[in-house]
């Protein structure tokens, strides 16, 4: 496969994913070694979409976001934990208004939207809660090629707040879906699918040659 074809193919699948995220629909990110993940824009999260994600995944929905966002909301690393190589979990949160138990799809969607709100304030969240934020690498997939970074890169490319709901997809035996199974799931459910390599190729191409805008 030529480099130009790879870039063109990545461009197509990334743009399809961005359109879906802006519309409040999920996408599948194929991480290869770590299986497939469902990704949804935090700012667009709804109870029905979170419920759908929970039914088709491990149910452990993470809120991937930036260090700046977590610092602005005064959400510290979990147990003072931080790593440049492993997933950096932060203290779990719930929205302080409008939730009941905090665990339902509705409640977790509200918490996601609260995390993503540009007007968000630390008092809008209670700790601990049922949504676990993840502090992503500053340079996204160009620094750390994982699902959380891909999620934040994608919502940023879509012009949305840098918060993404991310959850690992499992098979009926509780194992991670491999690349083939993830893509079959995406086809069966008519969900856009792309790889981390696609996100990397798109970013390299546009950050070196910024000639095209993305849909909003």
N, C-alpha and C. Protein backbone atom coordinates (compact mmCIF):
# COMPACT_ATOMS: atom_id res chain seq x y z
N UNK A 1 0.86 -1.20 0.00
CA UNK A 1 0.00 0.00 0.00
C UNK A 1 0.88 1.24 0.00
N UNK A 2 0.61 2.19 -0.86
CA UNK A 2 1.41 3.40 -0.90
C UNK A 2 1.06 4.33 0.23
N UNK A 3 2.00 5.24 0.56
CA UNK A 3 1.77 6.19 1.64
C UNK A 3 0.60 7.11 1.30
N UNK A 4 0.51 7.56 0.04
CA UNK A 4 -0.56 8.48 -0.33
C UNK A 4 -1.93 7.83 -0.17
N UNK A 5 -2.03 6.53 -0.50
CA UNK A 5 -3.30 5.84 -0.33
C UNK A 5 -3.65 5.72 1.13
N UNK A 6 -2.66 5.41 1.96
CA UNK A 6 -2.90 5.27 3.39
C UNK A 6 -3.43 6.56 3.98
N UNK A 7 -2.84 7.69 3.57
CA UNK A 7 -3.30 8.98 4.07
C UNK A 7 -4.73 9.24 3.61
N UNK A 8 -5.02 8.95 2.33
CA UNK A 8 -6.37 9.17 1.82
C UNK A 8 -7.40 8.33 2.53
N UNK A 9 -7.10 7.08 2.78
CA UNK A 9 -8.02 6.20 3.48
C UNK A 9 -8.23 6.67 4.91
N UNK A 10 -7.15 7.06 5.59
CA UNK A 10 -7.26 7.57 6.95
C UNK A 10 -8.11 8.83 6.99
N UNK A 11 -7.91 9.69 5.98
CA UNK A 11 -8.70 10.92 5.90
C UNK A 11 -10.19 10.61 5.85
N UNK A 12 -10.56 9.64 5.04
CA UNK A 12 -11.97 9.29 4.88
C UNK A 12 -12.57 8.77 6.18
N UNK A 13 -11.90 7.81 6.81
CA UNK A 13 -12.48 7.21 8.01
C UNK A 13 -12.49 8.18 9.19
N UNK A 14 -11.47 9.04 9.27
CA UNK A 14 -11.46 10.03 10.36
C UNK A 14 -12.59 11.03 10.16
N UNK A 15 -12.78 11.53 8.96
CA UNK A 15 -13.86 12.49 8.72
C UNK A 15 -15.22 11.88 8.99
N UNK A 16 -15.41 10.61 8.64
CA UNK A 16 -16.67 9.92 8.96
C UNK A 16 -16.87 9.86 10.47
N UNK A 17 -15.81 9.59 11.20
CA UNK A 17 -15.90 9.53 12.66
C UNK A 17 -16.23 10.90 13.25
N UNK A 18 -15.62 11.95 12.71
CA UNK A 18 -15.88 13.30 13.23
C UNK A 18 -17.33 13.71 13.02
N UNK A 19 -17.87 13.38 11.86
CA UNK A 19 -19.28 13.69 11.59
C UNK A 19 -20.18 12.99 12.60
N UNK A 20 -19.87 11.72 12.89
CA UNK A 20 -20.67 10.96 13.86
C UNK A 20 -20.58 11.57 15.25
N UNK A 21 -19.38 11.93 15.68
CA UNK A 21 -19.20 12.49 17.02
C UNK A 21 -19.94 13.82 17.17
N UNK A 22 -19.88 14.66 16.16
CA UNK A 22 -20.59 15.94 16.21
C UNK A 22 -22.10 15.71 16.32
N UNK A 23 -22.58 14.64 15.70
CA UNK A 23 -24.01 14.31 15.73
C UNK A 23 -24.41 13.58 17.01
N UNK A 24 -23.46 13.34 17.91
CA UNK A 24 -23.77 12.66 19.16
C UNK A 24 -23.83 11.16 19.05
N UNK A 25 -23.20 10.61 18.01
CA UNK A 25 -23.19 9.16 17.82
C UNK A 25 -21.81 8.59 18.16
N UNK A 26 -21.75 7.33 18.57
CA UNK A 26 -20.47 6.72 18.94
C UNK A 26 -19.68 6.28 17.72
N UNK A 27 -18.39 6.05 17.94
CA UNK A 27 -17.52 5.46 16.93
C UNK A 27 -16.73 4.34 17.59
N UNK A 28 -16.22 3.43 16.78
CA UNK A 28 -15.35 2.37 17.28
C UNK A 28 -13.91 2.73 16.95
N UNK A 29 -13.06 2.70 17.97
CA UNK A 29 -11.62 2.89 17.77
C UNK A 29 -10.94 1.54 17.95
N UNK A 30 -10.31 1.08 16.89
CA UNK A 30 -9.58 -0.20 16.91
C UNK A 30 -8.15 0.07 17.36
N UNK A 31 -7.82 -0.41 18.56
CA UNK A 31 -6.48 -0.17 19.10
C UNK A 31 -5.52 -1.30 18.79
N UNK A 32 -5.96 -2.27 18.03
CA UNK A 32 -5.14 -3.43 17.68
C UNK A 32 -4.82 -4.25 18.92
N UNK A 33 -3.72 -4.00 19.58
CA UNK A 33 -3.29 -4.82 20.71
C UNK A 33 -4.22 -4.81 21.90
N UNK A 34 -4.92 -3.69 22.14
CA UNK A 34 -5.80 -3.57 23.31
C UNK A 34 -7.27 -3.68 22.94
N UNK A 35 -7.58 -4.20 21.78
CA UNK A 35 -8.96 -4.42 21.41
C UNK A 35 -9.69 -3.16 20.98
N UNK A 36 -10.98 -3.33 20.66
CA UNK A 36 -11.80 -2.21 20.22
C UNK A 36 -12.40 -1.46 21.39
N UNK A 37 -12.61 -0.15 21.20
CA UNK A 37 -13.23 0.70 22.21
C UNK A 37 -14.32 1.53 21.55
N UNK A 38 -15.42 1.71 22.27
CA UNK A 38 -16.44 2.66 21.83
C UNK A 38 -16.08 4.04 22.38
N UNK A 39 -16.26 5.05 21.54
CA UNK A 39 -15.94 6.43 21.91
C UNK A 39 -17.13 7.31 21.58
N UNK A 40 -17.48 8.19 22.51
CA UNK A 40 -18.58 9.14 22.35
C UNK A 40 -18.13 10.49 22.88
N UNK A 41 -18.50 11.56 22.20
CA UNK A 41 -18.14 12.90 22.68
C UNK A 41 -18.84 13.17 24.01
N UNK A 42 -18.06 13.55 25.03
CA UNK A 42 -18.64 13.82 26.34
C UNK A 42 -19.68 14.92 26.30
N UNK A 43 -19.44 15.95 25.50
CA UNK A 43 -20.37 17.08 25.43
C UNK A 43 -21.69 16.71 24.78
N UNK A 44 -21.72 15.59 24.05
CA UNK A 44 -22.93 15.15 23.36
C UNK A 44 -23.58 13.94 24.02
N UNK A 45 -23.04 13.50 25.15
CA UNK A 45 -23.49 12.26 25.78
C UNK A 45 -24.96 12.36 26.20
N UNK A 46 -25.72 11.31 25.88
CA UNK A 46 -27.11 11.22 26.31
C UNK A 46 -27.29 9.93 27.10
N UNK A 47 -28.37 9.86 27.86
CA UNK A 47 -28.64 8.66 28.63
C UNK A 47 -28.80 7.44 27.75
N UNK A 48 -29.47 7.60 26.61
CA UNK A 48 -29.68 6.46 25.72
C UNK A 48 -28.38 5.97 25.11
N UNK A 49 -27.51 6.91 24.71
CA UNK A 49 -26.24 6.50 24.12
C UNK A 49 -25.31 5.87 25.15
N UNK A 50 -25.29 6.43 26.37
CA UNK A 50 -24.47 5.82 27.43
C UNK A 50 -25.00 4.43 27.77
N UNK A 51 -26.32 4.29 27.82
CA UNK A 51 -26.91 2.99 28.08
C UNK A 51 -26.53 1.98 27.02
N UNK A 52 -26.54 2.42 25.76
CA UNK A 52 -26.14 1.54 24.66
C UNK A 52 -24.68 1.14 24.78
N UNK A 53 -23.82 2.11 25.11
CA UNK A 53 -22.40 1.81 25.31
C UNK A 53 -22.20 0.79 26.42
N UNK A 54 -22.90 0.99 27.52
CA UNK A 54 -22.75 0.10 28.68
C UNK A 54 -23.15 -1.32 28.31
N UNK A 55 -24.23 -1.47 27.54
CA UNK A 55 -24.71 -2.80 27.16
C UNK A 55 -23.72 -3.55 26.27
N UNK A 56 -22.95 -2.82 25.49
CA UNK A 56 -22.08 -3.45 24.50
C UNK A 56 -20.60 -3.42 24.89
N UNK A 57 -20.31 -3.07 26.13
CA UNK A 57 -18.91 -2.96 26.56
C UNK A 57 -18.76 -3.55 27.96
N UNK A 58 -17.60 -3.30 28.55
CA UNK A 58 -17.36 -3.73 29.93
C UNK A 58 -18.25 -2.99 30.91
N UNK A 59 -18.78 -1.83 30.51
CA UNK A 59 -19.58 -1.00 31.40
C UNK A 59 -18.76 -0.01 32.20
N UNK A 60 -17.44 -0.16 32.16
CA UNK A 60 -16.55 0.75 32.88
C UNK A 60 -16.20 1.90 31.94
N UNK A 61 -17.10 2.89 31.89
CA UNK A 61 -16.96 4.00 30.95
C UNK A 61 -16.06 5.07 31.56
N UNK A 62 -14.97 5.37 30.88
CA UNK A 62 -14.02 6.37 31.35
C UNK A 62 -14.29 7.71 30.68
N UNK A 63 -13.93 8.78 31.38
CA UNK A 63 -14.02 10.12 30.81
C UNK A 63 -12.60 10.58 30.49
N UNK A 64 -12.19 10.35 29.26
CA UNK A 64 -10.84 10.76 28.84
C UNK A 64 -10.82 12.26 28.61
N UNK A 65 -9.82 12.93 29.18
CA UNK A 65 -9.75 14.38 29.02
C UNK A 65 -8.32 14.85 29.22
N UNK A 66 -8.13 16.15 29.17
CA UNK A 66 -6.80 16.72 29.27
C UNK A 66 -6.42 17.06 30.70
N UNK A 67 -5.13 17.21 30.92
CA UNK A 67 -4.65 17.64 32.23
C UNK A 67 -5.21 19.01 32.58
N UNK A 68 -5.29 19.89 31.58
CA UNK A 68 -5.81 21.24 31.82
C UNK A 68 -7.25 21.21 32.30
N UNK A 69 -8.06 20.33 31.70
CA UNK A 69 -9.47 20.25 32.10
C UNK A 69 -9.59 19.73 33.52
N UNK A 70 -8.84 18.70 33.86
CA UNK A 70 -8.90 18.15 35.21
C UNK A 70 -8.40 19.15 36.24
N UNK A 71 -7.35 19.86 35.91
CA UNK A 71 -6.82 20.86 36.84
C UNK A 71 -7.82 21.99 37.06
N UNK A 72 -8.50 22.40 35.98
CA UNK A 72 -9.48 23.48 36.09
C UNK A 72 -10.65 23.07 36.99
N UNK A 73 -10.98 21.78 36.99
CA UNK A 73 -12.09 21.28 37.81
C UNK A 73 -11.62 20.75 39.16
N UNK A 74 -10.34 20.91 39.45
CA UNK A 74 -9.75 20.48 40.73
C UNK A 74 -9.96 18.99 40.97
N UNK A 75 -9.73 18.20 39.93
CA UNK A 75 -9.84 16.74 40.04
C UNK A 75 -8.43 16.16 40.06
N UNK A 76 -7.97 15.68 41.20
CA UNK A 76 -6.59 15.20 41.32
C UNK A 76 -6.43 13.77 40.81
N UNK A 77 -5.18 13.35 40.57
CA UNK A 77 -4.94 11.94 40.23
C UNK A 77 -5.45 11.03 41.34
N UNK A 78 -5.88 9.83 40.98
CA UNK A 78 -6.34 8.87 41.96
C UNK A 78 -5.17 8.43 42.85
N UNK A 79 -5.34 8.61 44.14
CA UNK A 79 -4.33 8.23 45.13
C UNK A 79 -2.97 8.83 44.81
N UNK A 80 -2.97 10.02 44.21
CA UNK A 80 -1.71 10.66 43.87
C UNK A 80 -0.96 9.96 42.76
N UNK A 81 -1.68 9.08 42.02
CA UNK A 81 -1.03 8.26 40.99
C UNK A 81 -0.92 9.01 39.68
N UNK A 82 0.27 8.94 39.09
CA UNK A 82 0.46 9.49 37.74
C UNK A 82 1.56 8.71 37.05
N UNK A 83 1.36 8.43 35.78
CA UNK A 83 2.36 7.68 35.01
C UNK A 83 2.36 8.18 33.59
N UNK A 84 3.54 8.22 32.98
CA UNK A 84 3.63 8.63 31.58
C UNK A 84 3.44 7.46 30.64
N UNK A 85 3.43 6.24 31.18
CA UNK A 85 3.31 5.06 30.33
C UNK A 85 1.99 4.32 30.52
N UNK A 86 1.44 4.32 31.74
CA UNK A 86 0.20 3.61 32.02
C UNK A 86 -0.96 4.61 32.10
N UNK A 87 -2.18 4.07 32.13
CA UNK A 87 -3.36 4.92 32.22
C UNK A 87 -3.35 5.70 33.53
N UNK A 88 -3.52 7.02 33.45
CA UNK A 88 -3.49 7.89 34.63
C UNK A 88 -4.91 8.22 35.06
N UNK A 89 -5.44 7.41 35.97
CA UNK A 89 -6.79 7.63 36.46
C UNK A 89 -6.83 8.80 37.42
N UNK A 90 -7.96 9.52 37.41
CA UNK A 90 -8.19 10.60 38.37
C UNK A 90 -9.32 10.18 39.31
N UNK A 91 -9.54 10.98 40.34
CA UNK A 91 -10.58 10.70 41.33
C UNK A 91 -11.95 10.69 40.64
N UNK A 92 -12.75 9.69 40.95
CA UNK A 92 -14.07 9.54 40.32
C UNK A 92 -15.01 10.66 40.74
N UNK A 93 -15.95 10.99 39.86
CA UNK A 93 -16.86 12.12 40.10
C UNK A 93 -18.28 11.79 39.65
N UNK A 94 -19.23 12.56 40.18
CA UNK A 94 -20.61 12.61 39.71
C UNK A 94 -21.00 14.07 39.57
N UNK A 95 -21.94 14.36 38.69
CA UNK A 95 -22.51 15.70 38.64
C UNK A 95 -23.22 15.97 39.97
N UNK A 96 -23.05 17.16 40.50
CA UNK A 96 -23.63 17.48 41.81
C UNK A 96 -25.12 17.78 41.75
N UNK A 97 -25.64 18.09 40.58
CA UNK A 97 -27.06 18.39 40.41
C UNK A 97 -27.65 17.51 39.32
N UNK A 98 -28.86 16.99 39.56
CA UNK A 98 -29.58 16.27 38.53
C UNK A 98 -29.37 14.78 38.49
N UNK A 99 -28.52 14.24 39.37
CA UNK A 99 -28.29 12.80 39.40
C UNK A 99 -28.96 12.18 40.61
N UNK A 100 -29.16 10.86 40.56
CA UNK A 100 -29.73 10.13 41.70
C UNK A 100 -28.65 9.22 42.28
N UNK A 101 -28.57 7.99 41.78
CA UNK A 101 -27.53 7.08 42.27
C UNK A 101 -26.18 7.38 41.64
N UNK A 102 -26.18 8.00 40.46
CA UNK A 102 -24.94 8.29 39.75
C UNK A 102 -24.50 7.20 38.80
N UNK A 103 -25.10 6.01 38.88
CA UNK A 103 -24.63 4.87 38.11
C UNK A 103 -25.41 4.65 36.82
N UNK A 104 -26.60 5.21 36.70
CA UNK A 104 -27.43 4.98 35.51
C UNK A 104 -26.81 5.64 34.28
N UNK A 105 -27.27 5.21 33.11
CA UNK A 105 -26.81 5.84 31.89
C UNK A 105 -27.11 7.32 31.87
N UNK A 106 -28.31 7.70 32.34
CA UNK A 106 -28.69 9.11 32.42
C UNK A 106 -27.73 9.89 33.30
N UNK A 107 -27.44 9.35 34.49
CA UNK A 107 -26.59 10.06 35.43
C UNK A 107 -25.15 10.18 34.92
N UNK A 108 -24.65 9.10 34.33
CA UNK A 108 -23.28 9.15 33.83
C UNK A 108 -23.16 10.08 32.62
N UNK A 109 -24.21 10.14 31.80
CA UNK A 109 -24.21 11.07 30.68
C UNK A 109 -24.19 12.51 31.17
N UNK A 110 -24.97 12.80 32.21
CA UNK A 110 -24.98 14.14 32.78
C UNK A 110 -23.62 14.50 33.35
N UNK A 111 -22.97 13.55 34.00
CA UNK A 111 -21.63 13.80 34.53
C UNK A 111 -20.65 14.07 33.40
N UNK A 112 -20.75 13.31 32.31
CA UNK A 112 -19.89 13.55 31.15
C UNK A 112 -20.09 14.96 30.60
N UNK A 113 -21.34 15.37 30.47
CA UNK A 113 -21.62 16.71 29.94
C UNK A 113 -21.13 17.79 30.89
N UNK A 114 -21.22 17.53 32.18
CA UNK A 114 -20.73 18.48 33.17
C UNK A 114 -19.22 18.63 33.07
N UNK A 115 -18.52 17.51 32.93
CA UNK A 115 -17.07 17.55 32.74
C UNK A 115 -16.69 18.33 31.49
N UNK A 116 -17.51 18.21 30.45
CA UNK A 116 -17.20 18.83 29.16
C UNK A 116 -17.63 20.28 29.07
N UNK A 117 -18.48 20.74 29.97
CA UNK A 117 -19.03 22.09 29.87
C UNK A 117 -17.95 23.17 30.03
N UNK A 118 -17.85 24.10 29.08
CA UNK A 118 -16.87 25.19 29.21
C UNK A 118 -17.12 26.06 30.44
N UNK A 119 -18.38 26.07 30.91
CA UNK A 119 -18.72 26.86 32.10
C UNK A 119 -18.60 26.04 33.38
N UNK A 120 -18.07 24.83 33.27
CA UNK A 120 -17.98 23.95 34.43
C UNK A 120 -17.12 24.52 35.54
N UNK A 121 -17.51 24.20 36.79
CA UNK A 121 -16.81 24.68 37.98
C UNK A 121 -16.61 23.49 38.91
N UNK A 122 -15.56 23.50 39.72
CA UNK A 122 -15.35 22.38 40.65
C UNK A 122 -16.56 22.03 41.49
N UNK A 123 -17.37 23.03 41.86
CA UNK A 123 -18.54 22.76 42.70
C UNK A 123 -19.64 22.01 41.94
N UNK A 124 -19.52 21.91 40.62
CA UNK A 124 -20.52 21.18 39.83
C UNK A 124 -20.34 19.68 39.91
N UNK A 125 -19.29 19.23 40.60
CA UNK A 125 -18.98 17.80 40.71
C UNK A 125 -18.78 17.40 42.16
N UNK A 126 -19.23 16.19 42.49
CA UNK A 126 -18.97 15.64 43.82
C UNK A 126 -18.00 14.47 43.68
N UNK A 127 -17.23 14.25 44.73
CA UNK A 127 -16.18 13.24 44.73
C UNK A 127 -16.27 12.43 46.02
N UNK A 128 -16.20 11.09 45.99
CA UNK A 128 -16.06 10.25 44.79
C UNK A 128 -17.40 10.08 44.09
N UNK A 129 -17.35 9.51 42.89
CA UNK A 129 -18.57 9.30 42.12
C UNK A 129 -18.51 8.02 41.32
N UNK A 130 -19.16 8.02 40.16
CA UNK A 130 -19.26 6.80 39.35
C UNK A 130 -18.62 6.93 37.97
N UNK A 131 -18.08 8.10 37.66
CA UNK A 131 -17.37 8.29 36.40
C UNK A 131 -15.90 8.55 36.72
N UNK A 132 -15.03 7.74 36.14
CA UNK A 132 -13.60 7.87 36.39
C UNK A 132 -12.94 8.62 35.23
N UNK A 133 -12.42 9.81 35.49
CA UNK A 133 -11.70 10.53 34.44
C UNK A 133 -10.31 9.92 34.22
N UNK A 134 -9.80 10.11 33.02
CA UNK A 134 -8.44 9.68 32.68
C UNK A 134 -7.68 10.90 32.16
N UNK A 135 -6.53 11.14 32.74
CA UNK A 135 -5.66 12.24 32.30
C UNK A 135 -4.84 11.76 31.11
N UNK A 136 -5.08 12.34 29.95
CA UNK A 136 -4.41 11.88 28.73
C UNK A 136 -3.11 12.64 28.49
N UNK A 137 -2.29 12.07 27.63
CA UNK A 137 -1.00 12.67 27.29
C UNK A 137 -1.20 13.99 26.55
N UNK A 138 -0.32 14.93 26.80
CA UNK A 138 -0.45 16.28 26.26
C UNK A 138 -0.55 16.29 24.74
N UNK A 139 0.22 15.44 24.07
CA UNK A 139 0.25 15.44 22.61
C UNK A 139 -0.59 14.31 22.00
N UNK A 140 -1.51 13.79 22.77
CA UNK A 140 -2.45 12.80 22.27
C UNK A 140 -1.79 11.54 21.74
N UNK A 141 -2.33 11.02 20.62
CA UNK A 141 -1.81 9.76 20.08
C UNK A 141 -0.39 9.88 19.56
N UNK A 142 0.07 11.10 19.32
CA UNK A 142 1.45 11.28 18.87
C UNK A 142 2.43 11.05 20.01
N UNK A 143 1.92 11.06 21.24
CA UNK A 143 2.75 10.78 22.42
C UNK A 143 2.43 9.42 23.03
N UNK A 144 1.16 9.06 23.04
CA UNK A 144 0.74 7.79 23.64
C UNK A 144 -0.40 7.22 22.80
N UNK A 145 -0.15 6.11 22.15
CA UNK A 145 -1.11 5.54 21.19
C UNK A 145 -2.09 4.62 21.89
N UNK A 146 -3.05 5.22 22.62
CA UNK A 146 -4.06 4.47 23.35
C UNK A 146 -5.44 5.03 23.06
N UNK A 147 -6.47 4.27 23.46
CA UNK A 147 -7.85 4.66 23.15
C UNK A 147 -8.23 6.00 23.77
N UNK A 148 -7.80 6.26 25.00
CA UNK A 148 -8.16 7.51 25.66
C UNK A 148 -7.63 8.71 24.88
N UNK A 149 -6.37 8.63 24.46
CA UNK A 149 -5.78 9.72 23.69
C UNK A 149 -6.47 9.87 22.34
N UNK A 150 -6.81 8.74 21.71
CA UNK A 150 -7.52 8.81 20.43
C UNK A 150 -8.87 9.49 20.60
N UNK A 151 -9.57 9.18 21.69
CA UNK A 151 -10.86 9.79 21.95
C UNK A 151 -10.77 11.29 22.09
N UNK A 152 -9.79 11.76 22.87
CA UNK A 152 -9.64 13.21 23.06
C UNK A 152 -9.19 13.88 21.77
N UNK A 153 -8.27 13.26 21.04
CA UNK A 153 -7.87 13.82 19.75
C UNK A 153 -9.07 13.97 18.81
N UNK A 154 -9.91 12.95 18.76
CA UNK A 154 -11.05 12.98 17.84
C UNK A 154 -12.05 14.07 18.20
N UNK A 155 -12.39 14.21 19.48
CA UNK A 155 -13.37 15.25 19.82
C UNK A 155 -12.77 16.64 19.61
N UNK A 156 -11.48 16.79 19.83
CA UNK A 156 -10.83 18.07 19.53
C UNK A 156 -10.88 18.36 18.03
N UNK A 157 -10.55 17.36 17.23
CA UNK A 157 -10.60 17.54 15.77
C UNK A 157 -12.00 17.88 15.30
N UNK A 158 -13.00 17.40 16.03
CA UNK A 158 -14.40 17.69 15.69
C UNK A 158 -14.84 19.06 16.17
N UNK A 159 -13.96 19.78 16.86
CA UNK A 159 -14.29 21.10 17.36
C UNK A 159 -15.11 21.08 18.63
N UNK A 160 -15.06 19.96 19.37
CA UNK A 160 -15.84 19.80 20.59
C UNK A 160 -14.95 19.91 21.82
N UNK A 161 -15.57 20.00 22.98
CA UNK A 161 -14.84 20.04 24.24
C UNK A 161 -14.00 18.77 24.39
N UNK A 162 -12.78 18.88 24.95
CA UNK A 162 -11.87 17.73 25.01
C UNK A 162 -12.21 16.73 26.11
N UNK A 163 -13.40 16.18 26.04
CA UNK A 163 -13.82 15.11 26.95
C UNK A 163 -14.49 14.03 26.10
N UNK A 164 -14.02 12.79 26.25
CA UNK A 164 -14.58 11.68 25.47
C UNK A 164 -14.93 10.52 26.39
N UNK A 165 -16.13 9.98 26.22
CA UNK A 165 -16.50 8.75 26.92
C UNK A 165 -15.86 7.59 26.16
N UNK A 166 -15.10 6.76 26.88
CA UNK A 166 -14.35 5.67 26.24
C UNK A 166 -14.57 4.40 27.04
N UNK A 167 -14.87 3.30 26.34
CA UNK A 167 -15.11 2.03 27.04
C UNK A 167 -14.67 0.86 26.17
N UNK A 168 -14.01 -0.12 26.80
CA UNK A 168 -13.52 -1.30 26.08
C UNK A 168 -14.67 -2.22 25.71
N UNK A 169 -14.61 -2.77 24.51
CA UNK A 169 -15.63 -3.69 24.02
C UNK A 169 -15.22 -5.12 24.35
N UNK A 170 -16.20 -5.91 24.81
CA UNK A 170 -15.94 -7.28 25.23
C UNK A 170 -16.76 -8.28 24.42
N UNK A 171 -16.23 -9.50 24.32
CA UNK A 171 -17.00 -10.56 23.69
C UNK A 171 -17.87 -11.25 24.74
N UNK A 172 -18.61 -12.26 24.33
CA UNK A 172 -19.56 -12.92 25.24
C UNK A 172 -18.87 -13.66 26.38
N UNK A 173 -17.57 -13.88 26.26
CA UNK A 173 -16.82 -14.57 27.31
C UNK A 173 -16.07 -13.59 28.21
N UNK A 174 -16.24 -12.29 27.97
CA UNK A 174 -15.58 -11.29 28.79
C UNK A 174 -14.20 -10.90 28.31
N UNK A 175 -13.77 -11.41 27.16
CA UNK A 175 -12.48 -11.03 26.60
C UNK A 175 -12.61 -9.82 25.71
N UNK A 176 -11.48 -9.13 25.49
CA UNK A 176 -11.49 -7.96 24.62
C UNK A 176 -11.76 -8.37 23.18
N UNK A 177 -12.56 -7.58 22.48
CA UNK A 177 -12.79 -7.83 21.06
C UNK A 177 -11.52 -7.56 20.28
N UNK A 178 -11.14 -8.48 19.41
CA UNK A 178 -9.97 -8.22 18.58
C UNK A 178 -10.35 -7.31 17.41
N UNK A 179 -9.37 -7.00 16.58
CA UNK A 179 -9.60 -6.06 15.49
C UNK A 179 -10.70 -6.52 14.55
N UNK A 180 -10.68 -7.78 14.17
CA UNK A 180 -11.70 -8.31 13.25
C UNK A 180 -13.09 -8.23 13.88
N UNK A 181 -13.21 -8.64 15.14
CA UNK A 181 -14.51 -8.62 15.82
C UNK A 181 -15.01 -7.20 16.02
N UNK A 182 -14.09 -6.28 16.32
CA UNK A 182 -14.49 -4.88 16.50
C UNK A 182 -15.06 -4.29 15.22
N UNK A 183 -14.41 -4.61 14.11
CA UNK A 183 -14.87 -4.09 12.83
C UNK A 183 -16.18 -4.75 12.38
N UNK A 184 -16.35 -6.00 12.72
CA UNK A 184 -17.62 -6.67 12.42
C UNK A 184 -18.74 -6.05 13.25
N UNK A 185 -18.47 -5.77 14.53
CA UNK A 185 -19.46 -5.10 15.38
C UNK A 185 -19.85 -3.75 14.77
N UNK A 186 -18.85 -2.99 14.35
CA UNK A 186 -19.11 -1.67 13.77
C UNK A 186 -19.99 -1.79 12.53
N UNK A 187 -19.70 -2.78 11.70
CA UNK A 187 -20.51 -2.98 10.48
C UNK A 187 -21.93 -3.39 10.84
N UNK A 188 -22.07 -4.29 11.80
CA UNK A 188 -23.40 -4.77 12.20
C UNK A 188 -24.27 -3.65 12.76
N UNK A 189 -23.63 -2.71 13.48
CA UNK A 189 -24.38 -1.63 14.14
C UNK A 189 -24.29 -0.31 13.38
N UNK A 190 -23.68 -0.34 12.20
CA UNK A 190 -23.55 0.85 11.35
C UNK A 190 -22.90 2.01 12.11
N UNK A 191 -21.79 1.67 12.76
CA UNK A 191 -21.01 2.64 13.52
C UNK A 191 -19.68 2.87 12.79
N UNK A 192 -19.25 4.11 12.61
CA UNK A 192 -17.94 4.34 11.98
C UNK A 192 -16.83 3.68 12.78
N UNK A 193 -15.83 3.16 12.08
CA UNK A 193 -14.71 2.51 12.74
C UNK A 193 -13.41 3.04 12.15
N UNK A 194 -12.43 3.24 13.00
CA UNK A 194 -11.11 3.70 12.57
C UNK A 194 -10.08 3.19 13.55
N UNK A 195 -8.83 3.26 13.16
CA UNK A 195 -7.74 2.80 14.02
C UNK A 195 -6.99 4.00 14.60
N UNK A 196 -6.19 3.72 15.63
CA UNK A 196 -5.33 4.77 16.17
C UNK A 196 -4.35 5.25 15.11
N UNK A 197 -3.90 4.32 14.26
CA UNK A 197 -3.00 4.71 13.17
C UNK A 197 -3.67 5.71 12.23
N UNK A 198 -4.98 5.59 12.02
CA UNK A 198 -5.72 6.55 11.20
C UNK A 198 -5.69 7.94 11.83
N UNK A 199 -5.89 7.99 13.14
CA UNK A 199 -5.86 9.28 13.84
C UNK A 199 -4.47 9.89 13.75
N UNK A 200 -3.45 9.08 13.93
CA UNK A 200 -2.08 9.57 13.84
C UNK A 200 -1.79 10.10 12.44
N UNK A 201 -2.19 9.36 11.40
CA UNK A 201 -1.94 9.79 10.03
C UNK A 201 -2.64 11.11 9.73
N UNK A 202 -3.89 11.24 10.20
CA UNK A 202 -4.65 12.48 10.00
C UNK A 202 -3.95 13.65 10.67
N UNK A 203 -3.52 13.45 11.90
CA UNK A 203 -2.86 14.55 12.62
C UNK A 203 -1.54 14.93 11.97
N UNK A 204 -0.73 13.94 11.62
CA UNK A 204 0.54 14.24 10.95
C UNK A 204 0.29 15.02 9.67
N UNK A 205 -0.66 14.58 8.88
CA UNK A 205 -0.94 15.22 7.60
C UNK A 205 -1.42 16.66 7.77
N UNK A 206 -2.36 16.87 8.69
CA UNK A 206 -2.94 18.20 8.84
C UNK A 206 -2.08 19.15 9.65
N UNK A 207 -1.28 18.62 10.56
CA UNK A 207 -0.43 19.51 11.34
C UNK A 207 0.83 19.88 10.58
N UNK A 208 1.20 19.07 9.59
CA UNK A 208 2.31 19.42 8.71
C UNK A 208 1.82 20.25 7.52
N UNK A 209 0.59 19.92 7.04
CA UNK A 209 0.01 20.59 5.88
C UNK A 209 -1.42 21.02 6.20
N UNK A 210 -1.60 22.06 7.03
CA UNK A 210 -2.94 22.45 7.50
C UNK A 210 -3.74 23.19 6.44
N UNK A 211 -4.27 22.43 5.48
CA UNK A 211 -4.96 23.07 4.36
C UNK A 211 -6.46 22.84 4.35
N UNK A 212 -6.96 21.95 5.24
CA UNK A 212 -8.38 21.59 5.18
C UNK A 212 -9.00 21.70 6.56
N UNK A 213 -10.20 22.18 6.62
CA UNK A 213 -10.91 22.25 7.89
C UNK A 213 -11.75 21.00 8.08
N UNK A 214 -12.19 20.76 9.31
CA UNK A 214 -13.02 19.60 9.61
C UNK A 214 -14.45 20.05 9.82
N UNK A 215 -15.41 19.16 9.64
CA UNK A 215 -16.83 19.54 9.82
C UNK A 215 -17.14 19.87 11.25
N UNK A 216 -18.06 20.82 11.47
CA UNK A 216 -18.47 21.20 12.81
C UNK A 216 -19.98 21.05 12.92
